[in-house]
Structure formats: structure tokens, C-alpha cells
PDB file of N, CA and C in Angstrom:
ATOM      1  N   MET A   1      37.185 -39.273  47.327  1.00  0.00           N
ATOM      2  CA  MET A   1      37.794 -38.508  48.412  1.00  0.00           C
ATOM      3  C   MET A   1      36.852 -37.114  48.907  1.00  0.00           C
ATOM      4  N   THR A   2      36.578 -36.802  50.171  1.00  0.00           N
ATOM      5  CA  THR A   2      36.152 -35.661  50.242  1.00  0.00           C
ATOM      6  C   THR A   2      37.298 -34.734  50.740  1.00  0.00           C
ATOM      7  N   GLY A   3      38.360 -34.843  51.497  1.00  0.00           N
ATOM      8  CA  GLY A   3      38.904 -33.477  51.664  1.00  0.00           C
ATOM      9  C   GLY A   3      38.534 -33.729  53.483  1.00  0.00           C
ATOM     10  N   PHE A   4      37.681 -34.352  54.145  1.00  0.00           N
ATOM     11  CA  PHE A   4      37.396 -34.070  55.570  1.00  0.00           C
ATOM     12  C   PHE A   4      38.541 -34.889  56.506  1.00  0.00           C
ATOM     13  N   GLU A   5      39.020 -33.970  57.135  1.00  0.00           N
ATOM     14  CA  GLU A   5      40.688 -33.592  57.905  1.00  0.00           C
ATOM     15  C   GLU A   5      40.183 -33.898  59.662  1.00  0.00           C
ATOM     16  N   HIS A   6      39.946 -35.178  59.667  1.00  0.00           N
ATOM     17  CA  HIS A   6      39.310 -35.508  60.881  1.00  0.00           C
ATOM     18  C   HIS A   6      40.104 -34.939  62.107  1.00  0.00           C
ATOM     19  N   LEU A   7      39.353 -34.916  63.249  1.00  0.00           N
ATOM     20  CA  LEU A   7      39.790 -33.966  64.290  1.00  0.00           C
ATOM     21  C   LEU A   7      38.811 -35.429  65.593  1.00  0.00           C
ATOM     22  N   ILE A   8      38.978 -36.251  66.419  1.00  0.00           N
ATOM     23  CA  ILE A   8      38.061 -36.872  66.773  1.00  0.00           C
ATOM     24  C   ILE A   8      37.840 -36.316  68.392  1.00  0.00           C
ATOM     25  N   VAL A   9      36.844 -35.570  68.591  1.00  0.00           N
ATOM     26  CA  VAL A   9      36.581 -34.652  70.279  1.00  0.00           C
ATOM     27  C   VAL A   9      35.818 -35.848  71.041  1.00  0.00           C
ATOM     28  N   PRO A  10      35.554 -35.892  72.282  1.00  0.00           N
ATOM     29  CA  PRO A  10      34.582 -36.739  72.735  1.00  0.00           C
ATOM     30  C   PRO A  10      33.338 -36.309  72.334  1.00  0.00           C
ATOM     31  N   ALA A  11      32.210 -36.957  72.209  1.00  0.00           N
ATOM     32  CA  ALA A  11      30.822 -36.364  72.263  1.00  0.00           C
ATOM     33  C   ALA A  11      30.399 -35.674  73.320  1.00  0.00           C
ATOM     34  N   THR A  12      31.073 -36.231  74.608  1.00  0.00           N
ATOM     35  CA  THR A  12      30.067 -35.168  75.989  1.00  0.00           C
ATOM     36  C   THR A  12      31.107 -33.743  75.707  1.00  0.00           C
ATOM     37  N   ASP A  13      32.156 -33.235  74.655  1.00  0.00           N
ATOM     38  CA  ASP A  13      32.712 -32.254  74.490  1.00  0.00           C
ATOM     39  C   ASP A  13      32.130 -31.536  73.378  1.00  0.00           C
ATOM     40  N   PHE A  14      31.248 -32.249  72.586  1.00  0.00           N
ATOM     41  CA  PHE A  14      30.683 -31.469  71.252  1.00  0.00           C
ATOM     42  C   PHE A  14      29.570 -30.484  71.572  1.00  0.00           C
ATOM     43  N   VAL A  15      29.358 -29.501  70.704  1.00  0.00           N
ATOM     44  CA  VAL A  15      27.916 -28.804  71.281  1.00  0.00           C
ATOM     45  C   VAL A  15      27.273 -28.610  69.274  1.00  0.00           C
ATOM     46  N   LEU A  16      26.765 -29.268  69.343  1.00  0.00           N
ATOM     47  CA  LEU A  16      26.031 -28.776  68.056  1.00  0.00           C
ATOM     48  C   LEU A  16      25.180 -27.552  68.008  1.00  0.00           C
ATOM     49  N   GLU A  17      25.009 -26.363  67.459  1.00  0.00           N
ATOM     50  CA  GLU A  17      24.557 -24.541  67.470  1.00  0.00           C
ATOM     51  C   GLU A  17      23.170 -24.799  66.563  1.00  0.00           C
ATOM     52  N   THR A  18      23.540 -26.204  65.347  1.00  0.00           N
ATOM     53  CA  THR A  18      22.664 -26.274  64.622  1.00  0.00           C
ATOM     54  C   THR A  18      21.375 -27.179  65.090  1.00  0.00           C
ATOM     55  N   PRO A  19      19.731 -26.304  64.790  1.00  0.00           N
ATOM     56  CA  PRO A  19      19.399 -27.235  65.204  1.00  0.00           C
ATOM     57  C   PRO A  19      19.222 -28.483  63.870  1.00  0.00           C
ATOM     58  N   ASP A  20      18.700 -29.911  65.124  1.00  0.00           N
ATOM     59  CA  ASP A  20      19.194 -30.879  63.911  1.00  0.00           C
ATOM     60  C   ASP A  20      18.285 -31.507  63.466  1.00  0.00           C
ATOM     61  N   GLU A  21      17.314 -30.274  62.991  1.00  0.00           N
ATOM     62  CA  GLU A  21      16.619 -30.886  61.891  1.00  0.00           C
ATOM     63  C   GLU A  21      16.880 -30.197  60.323  1.00  0.00           C
ATOM     64  N   ALA A  22      17.812 -29.311  60.617  1.00  0.00           N
ATOM     65  CA  ALA A  22      18.330 -29.322  59.342  1.00  0.00           C
ATOM     66  C   ALA A  22      20.029 -30.144  58.549  1.00  0.00           C
ATOM     67  N   LEU A  23      19.801 -31.044  59.772  1.00  0.00           N
ATOM     68  CA  LEU A  23      21.271 -31.744  59.171  1.00  0.00           C
ATOM     69  C   LEU A  23      20.090 -33.224  58.580  1.00  0.00           C
ATOM     70  N   ARG A  24      20.870 -34.418  57.827  1.00  0.00           N
ATOM     71  CA  ARG A  24      20.635 -35.141  57.011  1.00  0.00           C
ATOM     72  C   ARG A  24      21.121 -36.086  58.187  1.00  0.00           C
ATOM     73  N   GLU A  25      21.054 -37.513  57.319  1.00  0.00           N
ATOM     74  CA  GLU A  25      21.666 -38.750  57.517  1.00  0.00           C
ATOM     75  C   GLU A  25      21.926 -39.758  56.459  1.00  0.00           C
ATOM     76  N   TYR A  26      23.153 -40.320  56.564  1.00  0.00           N
ATOM     77  CA  TYR A  26      23.374 -41.889  55.949  1.00  0.00           C
ATOM     78  C   TYR A  26      24.323 -42.487  56.705  1.00  0.00           C
ATOM     79  N   ARG A  27      24.271 -43.647  56.494  1.00  0.00           N
ATOM     80  CA  ARG A  27      24.609 -44.541  56.792  1.00  0.00           C
ATOM     81  C   ARG A  27      25.365 -45.850  55.605  1.00  0.00           C
ATOM     82  N   PHE A  28      26.363 -46.030  55.620  1.00  0.00           N
ATOM     83  CA  PHE A  28      26.902 -47.699  54.354  1.00  0.00           C
ATOM     84  C   PHE A  28      27.375 -48.613  55.302  1.00  0.00           C
ATOM     85  N   ASN A  29      27.616 -49.457  54.500  1.00  0.00           N
ATOM     86  CA  ASN A  29      28.249 -50.412  54.455  1.00  0.00           C
ATOM     87  C   ASN A  29      28.300 -51.710  56.017  1.00  0.00           C
ATOM     88  N   THR A  30      28.748 -50.977  57.217  1.00  0.00           N
ATOM     89  CA  THR A  30      28.094 -51.198  58.334  1.00  0.00           C
ATOM     90  C   THR A  30      27.669 -51.377  59.000  1.00  0.00           C
ATOM     91  N   ARG A  31      26.724 -49.994  58.681  1.00  0.00           N
ATOM     92  CA  ARG A  31      25.464 -48.658  59.218  1.00  0.00           C
ATOM     93  C   ARG A  31      25.431 -48.500  60.567  1.00  0.00           C
ATOM     94  N   GLN A  32      27.131 -48.638  61.563  1.00  0.00           N
ATOM     95  CA  GLN A  32      27.465 -48.369  61.826  1.00  0.00           C
ATOM     96  C   GLN A  32      28.222 -46.827  62.685  1.00  0.00           C
ATOM     97  N   ALA A  33      28.227 -45.880  61.245  1.00  0.00           N
ATOM     98  CA  ALA A  33      28.761 -45.069  61.694  1.00  0.00           C
ATOM     99  C   ALA A  33      27.738 -43.693  61.209  1.00  0.00           C
ATOM    100  N   ARG A  34      27.476 -42.663  61.919  1.00  0.00           N
ATOM    101  CA  ARG A  34      26.084 -41.731  61.111  1.00  0.00           C
ATOM    102  C   ARG A  34      27.483 -40.386  60.822  1.00  0.00           C
ATOM    103  N   HIS A  35      26.946 -40.747  59.427  1.00  0.00           N
ATOM    104  CA  HIS A  35      27.421 -39.725  58.708  1.00  0.00           C
ATOM    105  C   HIS A  35      26.236 -38.108  58.607  1.00  0.00           C
ATOM    106  N   LEU A  36      26.641 -37.772  58.575  1.00  0.00           N
ATOM    107  CA  LEU A  36      25.392 -35.724  59.143  1.00  0.00           C
ATOM    108  C   LEU A  36      25.917 -35.113  58.128  1.00  0.00           C
ATOM    109  N   PHE A  37      25.088 -34.320  57.711  1.00  0.00           N
ATOM    110  CA  PHE A  37      25.892 -33.379  56.490  1.00  0.00           C
ATOM    111  C   PHE A  37      24.421 -32.207  56.574  1.00  0.00           C
ATOM    112  N   CYS A  38      24.814 -31.026  56.019  1.00  0.00           N
ATOM    113  CA  CYS A  38      23.954 -29.860  56.490  1.00  0.00           C
ATOM    114  C   CYS A  38      22.738 -30.814  54.809  1.00  0.00           C
ATOM    115  N   GLY A  39      21.962 -30.430  55.707  1.00  0.00           N
ATOM    116  CA  GLY A  39      20.404 -29.867  54.167  1.00  0.00           C
ATOM    117  C   GLY A  39      20.377 -29.242  53.582  1.00  0.00           C
ATOM    118  N   THR A  40      21.539 -27.956  53.464  1.00  0.00           N
ATOM    119  CA  THR A  40      20.748 -27.557  52.658  1.00  0.00           C
ATOM    120  C   THR A  40      21.741 -27.000  51.784  1.00  0.00           C
ATOM    121  N   CYS A  41      23.360 -27.335  52.214  1.00  0.00           N
ATOM    122  CA  CYS A  41      24.434 -26.950  51.083  1.00  0.00           C
ATOM    123  C   CYS A  41      25.657 -28.548  50.646  1.00  0.00           C
ATOM    124  N   GLY A  42      25.182 -29.216  51.832  1.00  0.00           N
ATOM    125  CA  GLY A  42      25.364 -30.878  51.397  1.00  0.00           C
ATOM    126  C   GLY A  42      26.915 -31.072  52.113  1.00  0.00           C
ATOM    127  N   ILE A  43      27.202 -29.497  53.119  1.00  0.00           N
ATOM    128  CA  ILE A  43      28.944 -29.968  53.461  1.00  0.00           C
ATOM    129  C   ILE A  43      28.389 -30.674  54.867  1.00  0.00           C
ATOM    130  N   LYS A  44      29.670 -31.721  54.500  1.00  0.00           N
ATOM    131  CA  LYS A  44      29.832 -32.692  55.917  1.00  0.00           C
ATOM    132  C   LYS A  44      30.784 -32.414  57.310  1.00  0.00           C
ATOM    133  N   SER A  45      30.577 -31.910  58.317  1.00  0.00           N
ATOM    134  CA  SER A  45      31.587 -31.006  58.686  1.00  0.00           C
ATOM    135  C   SER A  45      31.558 -31.659  60.400  1.00  0.00           C
ATOM    136  N   PHE A  46      30.716 -32.990  60.446  1.00  0.00           N
ATOM    137  CA  PHE A  46      31.036 -33.690  61.297  1.00  0.00           C
ATOM    138  C   PHE A  46      30.341 -35.330  60.823  1.00  0.00           C
ATOM    139  N   TYR A  47      30.966 -35.857  62.032  1.00  0.00           N
ATOM    140  CA  TYR A  47      30.141 -36.752  61.829  1.00  0.00           C
ATOM    141  C   TYR A  47      30.703 -38.286  62.406  1.00  0.00           C
ATOM    142  N   VAL A  48      29.532 -39.077  63.885  1.00  0.00           N
ATOM    143  CA  VAL A  48      29.932 -40.048  64.741  1.00  0.00           C
ATOM    144  C   VAL A  48      30.663 -41.501  63.824  1.00  0.00           C
ATOM    145  N   PRO A  49      32.218 -41.508  64.230  1.00  0.00           N
ATOM    146  CA  PRO A  49      32.665 -42.489  63.366  1.00  0.00           C
ATOM    147  C   PRO A  49      33.066 -43.995  64.213  1.00  0.00           C
ATOM    148  N   ARG A  50      32.800 -45.310  63.585  1.00  0.00           N
ATOM    149  CA  ARG A  50      32.379 -46.548  63.942  1.00  0.00           C
ATOM    150  C   ARG A  50      33.321 -46.451  64.140  1.00  0.00           C
ATOM    151  N   SER A  51      34.994 -46.226  64.308  1.00  0.00           N
ATOM    152  CA  SER A  51      36.101 -46.389  65.261  1.00  0.00           C
ATOM    153  C   SER A  51      35.870 -45.764  66.177  1.00  0.00           C
ATOM    154  N   HIS A  52      35.333 -45.035  66.845  1.00  0.00           N
ATOM    155  CA  HIS A  52      34.528 -44.070  68.076  1.00  0.00           C
ATOM    156  C   HIS A  52      32.921 -43.503  68.393  1.00  0.00           C
ATOM    157  N   PRO A  53      32.417 -44.115  68.245  1.00  0.00           N
ATOM    158  CA  PRO A  53      31.245 -44.663  68.602  1.00  0.00           C
ATOM    159  C   PRO A  53      30.853 -43.355  70.021  1.00  0.00           C
ATOM    160  N   ASP A  54      31.933 -43.626  70.897  1.00  0.00           N
ATOM    161  CA  ASP A  54      31.087 -42.072  71.959  1.00  0.00           C
ATOM    162  C   ASP A  54      32.200 -40.670  71.566  1.00  0.00           C
ATOM    163  N   GLY A  55      32.468 -41.198  70.343  1.00  0.00           N
ATOM    164  CA  GLY A  55      32.792 -39.439  69.983  1.00  0.00           C
ATOM    165  C   GLY A  55      32.162 -38.699  68.590  1.00  0.00           C
ATOM    166  N   VAL A  56      32.541 -37.753  68.563  1.00  0.00           N
ATOM    167  CA  VAL A  56      32.634 -36.914  67.106  1.00  0.00           C
ATOM    168  C   VAL A  56      33.500 -36.657  66.114  1.00  0.00           C
ATOM    169  N   SER A  57      33.842 -36.598  65.264  1.00  0.00           N
ATOM    170  CA  SER A  57      34.846 -37.111  64.064  1.00  0.00           C
ATOM    171  C   SER A  57      34.105 -35.106  63.427  1.00  0.00           C
ATOM    172  N   VAL A  58      34.951 -34.166  63.963  1.00  0.00           N
ATOM    173  CA  VAL A  58      34.724 -33.144  63.356  1.00  0.00           C
ATOM    174  C   VAL A  58      35.731 -32.897  62.239  1.00  0.00           C
ATOM    175  N   ASN A  59      35.407 -31.907  61.024  1.00  0.00           N
ATOM    176  CA  ASN A  59      35.870 -31.786  59.979  1.00  0.00           C
ATOM    177  C   ASN A  59      36.365 -30.404  60.044  1.00  0.00           C
ATOM    178  N   VAL A  60      38.401 -30.556  60.511  1.00  0.00           N
ATOM    179  CA  VAL A  60      39.160 -29.338  60.533  1.00  0.00           C
ATOM    180  C   VAL A  60      38.610 -28.375  59.787  1.00  0.00           C
ATOM    181  N   ARG A  61      38.538 -28.778  58.427  1.00  0.00           N
ATOM    182  CA  ARG A  61      38.173 -27.569  57.867  1.00  0.00           C
ATOM    183  C   ARG A  61      37.402 -26.067  57.256  1.00  0.00           C
ATOM    184  N   CYS A  62      36.212 -27.338  58.253  1.00  0.00           N
ATOM    185  CA  CYS A  62      35.587 -26.279  59.244  1.00  0.00           C
ATOM    186  C   CYS A  62      35.134 -25.688  60.502  1.00  0.00           C
ATOM    187  N   LEU A  63      36.369 -25.564  60.768  1.00  0.00           N
ATOM    188  CA  LEU A  63      36.373 -24.663  61.905  1.00  0.00           C
ATOM    189  C   LEU A  63      37.466 -23.312  61.381  1.00  0.00           C
ATOM    190  N   ASP A  64      37.182 -22.367  62.232  1.00  0.00           N
ATOM    191  CA  ASP A  64      37.614 -21.184  62.536  1.00  0.00           C
ATOM    192  C   ASP A  64      38.938 -21.284  62.532  1.00  0.00           C
ATOM    193  N   PRO A  65      40.039 -20.994  62.170  1.00  0.00           N
ATOM    194  CA  PRO A  65      41.299 -21.081  62.055  1.00  0.00           C
ATOM    195  C   PRO A  65      41.652 -20.222  63.517  1.00  0.00           C
ATOM    196  N   ALA A  66      41.054 -18.954  63.651  1.00  0.00           N
ATOM    197  CA  ALA A  66      41.130 -18.622  64.950  1.00  0.00           C
ATOM    198  C   ALA A  66      41.388 -19.158  66.103  1.00  0.00           C
ATOM    199  N   THR A  67      40.359 -20.668  66.176  1.00  0.00           N
ATOM    200  CA  THR A  67      40.194 -21.068  67.653  1.00  0.00           C
ATOM    201  C   THR A  67      41.083 -22.258  67.587  1.00  0.00           C
ATOM    202  N   ILE A  68      42.190 -22.525  66.742  1.00  0.00           N
ATOM    203  CA  ILE A  68      42.930 -23.480  66.717  1.00  0.00           C
ATOM    204  C   ILE A  68      44.269 -23.185  67.263  1.00  0.00           C
ATOM    205  N   THR A  69      43.892 -23.899  68.225  1.00  0.00           N
ATOM    206  CA  THR A  69      45.831 -22.944  69.232  1.00  0.00           C
ATOM    207  C   THR A  69      46.900 -24.442  68.531  1.00  0.00           C
ATOM    208  N   GLY A  70      46.637 -25.827  68.251  1.00  0.00           N
ATOM    209  CA  GLY A  70      47.717 -26.610  68.038  1.00  0.00           C
ATOM    210  C   GLY A  70      46.513 -27.760  67.223  1.00  0.00           C
ATOM    211  N   SER A  71      47.488 -28.226  67.059  1.00  0.00           N
ATOM    212  CA  SER A  71      47.107 -29.751  66.407  1.00  0.00           C
ATOM    213  C   SER A  71      48.495 -30.755  66.085  1.00  0.00           C
ATOM    214  N   THR A  72      48.108 -32.194  66.044  1.00  0.00           N
ATOM    215  CA  THR A  72      48.929 -33.214  65.858  1.00  0.00           C
ATOM    216  C   THR A  72      48.206 -34.374  64.756  1.00  0.00           C
ATOM    217  N   LYS A  73      48.992 -34.548  63.942  1.00  0.00           N
ATOM    218  CA  LYS A  73      48.236 -35.623  62.960  1.00  0.00           C
ATOM    219  C   LYS A  73      48.771 -36.553  62.831  1.00  0.00           C
ATOM    220  N   THR A  74      48.045 -37.959  63.013  1.00  0.00           N
ATOM    221  CA  THR A  74      48.187 -39.152  62.908  1.00  0.00           C
ATOM    222  C   THR A  74      48.046 -39.806  61.785  1.00  0.00           C
ATOM    223  N   PRO A  75      48.858 -40.087  60.478  1.00  0.00           N
ATOM    224  CA  PRO A  75      48.578 -41.073  60.068  1.00  0.00           C
ATOM    225  C   PRO A  75      47.745 -42.182  59.872  1.00  0.00           C
ATOM    226  N   PHE A  76      46.651 -42.549  58.959  1.00  0.00           N
ATOM    227  CA  PHE A  76      46.312 -43.734  59.222  1.00  0.00           C
ATOM    228  C   PHE A  76      45.822 -44.912  57.780  1.00  0.00           C
ATOM    229  N   ASP A  77      45.556 -45.533  57.826  1.00  0.00           N
ATOM    230  CA  ASP A  77      45.507 -46.741  56.570  1.00  0.00           C
ATOM    231  C   ASP A  77      44.516 -46.960  56.242  1.00  0.00           C
ATOM    232  N   GLY A  78      43.307 -45.936  55.916  1.00  0.00           N
ATOM    233  CA  GLY A  78      42.063 -46.027  55.211  1.00  0.00           C
ATOM    234  C   GLY A  78      41.842 -47.488  54.900  1.00  0.00           C
ATOM    235  N   ALA A  79      42.950 -48.226  53.617  1.00  0.00           N
ATOM    236  CA  ALA A  79      42.364 -49.053  52.953  1.00  0.00           C
ATOM    237  C   ALA A  79      42.631 -50.429  54.146  1.00  0.00           C
ATOM    238  N   ARG A  80      43.038 -49.900  55.022  1.00  0.00           N
ATOM    239  CA  ARG A  80      43.062 -51.761  55.422  1.00  0.00           C
ATOM    240  C   ARG A  80      42.796 -50.886  57.154  1.00  0.00           C
ATOM    241  N   TRP A  81      41.687 -50.625  57.161  1.00  0.00           N
ATOM    242  CA  TRP A  81      41.220 -49.975  58.099  1.00  0.00           C
ATOM    243  C   TRP A  81      40.617 -51.086  59.609  1.00  0.00           C
ATOM    244  N   GLU A  82      40.493 -52.111  59.500  1.00  0.00           N
ATOM    245  CA  GLU A  82      40.085 -52.714  60.313  1.00  0.00           C
ATOM    246  C   GLU A  82      42.075 -53.079  61.129  1.00  0.00           C
ATOM    247  N   ASP A  83      42.964 -53.340  60.460  1.00  0.00           N
ATOM    248  CA  ASP A  83      43.965 -53.129  60.899  1.00  0.00           C
ATOM    249  C   ASP A  83      44.923 -52.617  61.435  1.00  0.00           C
ATOM    250  N   ALA A  84      44.400 -51.374  60.935  1.00  0.00           N
ATOM    251  CA  ALA A  84      44.991 -49.659  61.365  1.00  0.00           C
ATOM    252  C   ALA A  84      44.428 -49.001  62.516  1.00  0.00           C
ATOM    253  N   ILE A  85      43.093 -49.616  63.219  1.00  0.00           N
ATOM    254  CA  ILE A  85      42.380 -48.659  64.149  1.00  0.00           C
ATOM    255  C   ILE A  85      42.524 -48.924  65.161  1.00  0.00           C
ATOM    256  N   ASP A  86      43.857 -49.725  65.901  1.00  0.00           N
ATOM    257  CA  ASP A  86      44.038 -49.931  67.379  1.00  0.00           C
ATOM    258  C   ASP A  86      44.996 -49.039  67.347  1.00  0.00           C
ATOM    259  N   GLY A  87      45.907 -48.228  66.215  1.00  0.00           N
ATOM    260  CA  GLY A  87      46.367 -47.208  66.269  1.00  0.00           C
ATOM    261  C   GLY A  87      45.602 -46.012  66.534  1.00  0.00           C
ATOM    262  N   LEU A  88      44.554 -45.962  66.506  1.00  0.00           N
ATOM    263  CA  LEU A  88      43.856 -44.806  67.125  1.00  0.00           C
ATOM    264  C   LEU A  88      43.630 -45.261  68.156  1.00  0.00           C
ATOM    265  N   ALA A  89      43.828 -46.068  69.487  1.00  0.00           N
ATOM    266  CA  ALA A  89      43.385 -45.941  70.477  1.00  0.00           C
ATOM    267  C   ALA A  89      43.104 -44.681  71.578  1.00  0.00           C
ATOM    268  N   GLY A  90      42.910 -44.045  72.023  1.00  0.00           N
ATOM    269  CA  GLY A  90      42.796 -43.030  72.945  1.00  0.00           C
ATOM    270  C   GLY A  90      43.095 -41.602  71.537  1.00  0.00           C
ATOM    271  N   ALA A  91      42.322 -41.448  71.079  1.00  0.00           N
ATOM    272  CA  ALA A  91      42.453 -40.163  69.520  1.00  0.00           C
ATOM    273  C   ALA A  91      41.239 -39.852  70.076  1.00  0.00           C
ATOM    274  N   THR A  92      40.509 -39.731  71.274  1.00  0.00           N
ATOM    275  CA  THR A  92      39.686 -38.744  71.653  1.00  0.00           C
ATOM    276  C   THR A  92      40.138 -37.636  72.412  1.00  0.00           C
ATOM    277  N   GLY A  93      41.856 -37.836  72.830  1.00  0.00           N
ATOM    278  CA  GLY A  93      42.233 -37.114  73.654  1.00  0.00           C
ATOM    279  C   GLY A  93      41.587 -37.045  75.097  1.00  0.00           C
ATOM    280  N   SER A  94      40.624 -38.169  75.279  1.00  0.00           N
ATOM    281  CA  SER A  94      40.316 -38.774  76.616  1.00  0.00           C
ATOM    282  C   SER A  94      41.070 -39.024  77.056  1.00  0.00           C
TER     283      SER A  94
END
């Protein structure tokens, strides 16, 4: 368990301020999700999820709390991903 708390945003609303060269990538299982992490410290602050390939899943725990004005948590059964994914339709807020 990584403690990653997902906030899925449209890719068009995501701005990466760190140079791409500072990131490392890994893919596993279906190799569809792009898991990105800092090449220096190893923190996984965001990734491109299989469930929302046009979005970015940002780790809320990596955001400055002063920038968050509100949020809603949606429970998700990761053990039964294929059955649960339909419940996230529209989760990018678009």
C-alpha cells in the first residue's frame, strides 16, 4: 500500500512544473497505466491511470493543503477493479 490518495483531473488541466527528465516511469500488468515518480526522491505524486487515460491521477497528499478548497471521496474496490470501474465514470470532473 502506497498511501496514494487519488484526485483525477483532465490531462488538459494538469501542468507539470518539473522537467520530464527528472521523472522515471514504470508500467506493470497490462502496461496501460503510466506510473511516474521523482527520479531523485522516489515520490509518486501523479500518474496516468488505466481507468482515465485522458486524465491524470494526482496524489492529494502531495498538494499544498492551502490550495484545496474542497473535495469528495468516492470509495473504490481496487480488488475488483474491472467490476468497480463503471462507478468512476465522469470522475475527472469534465
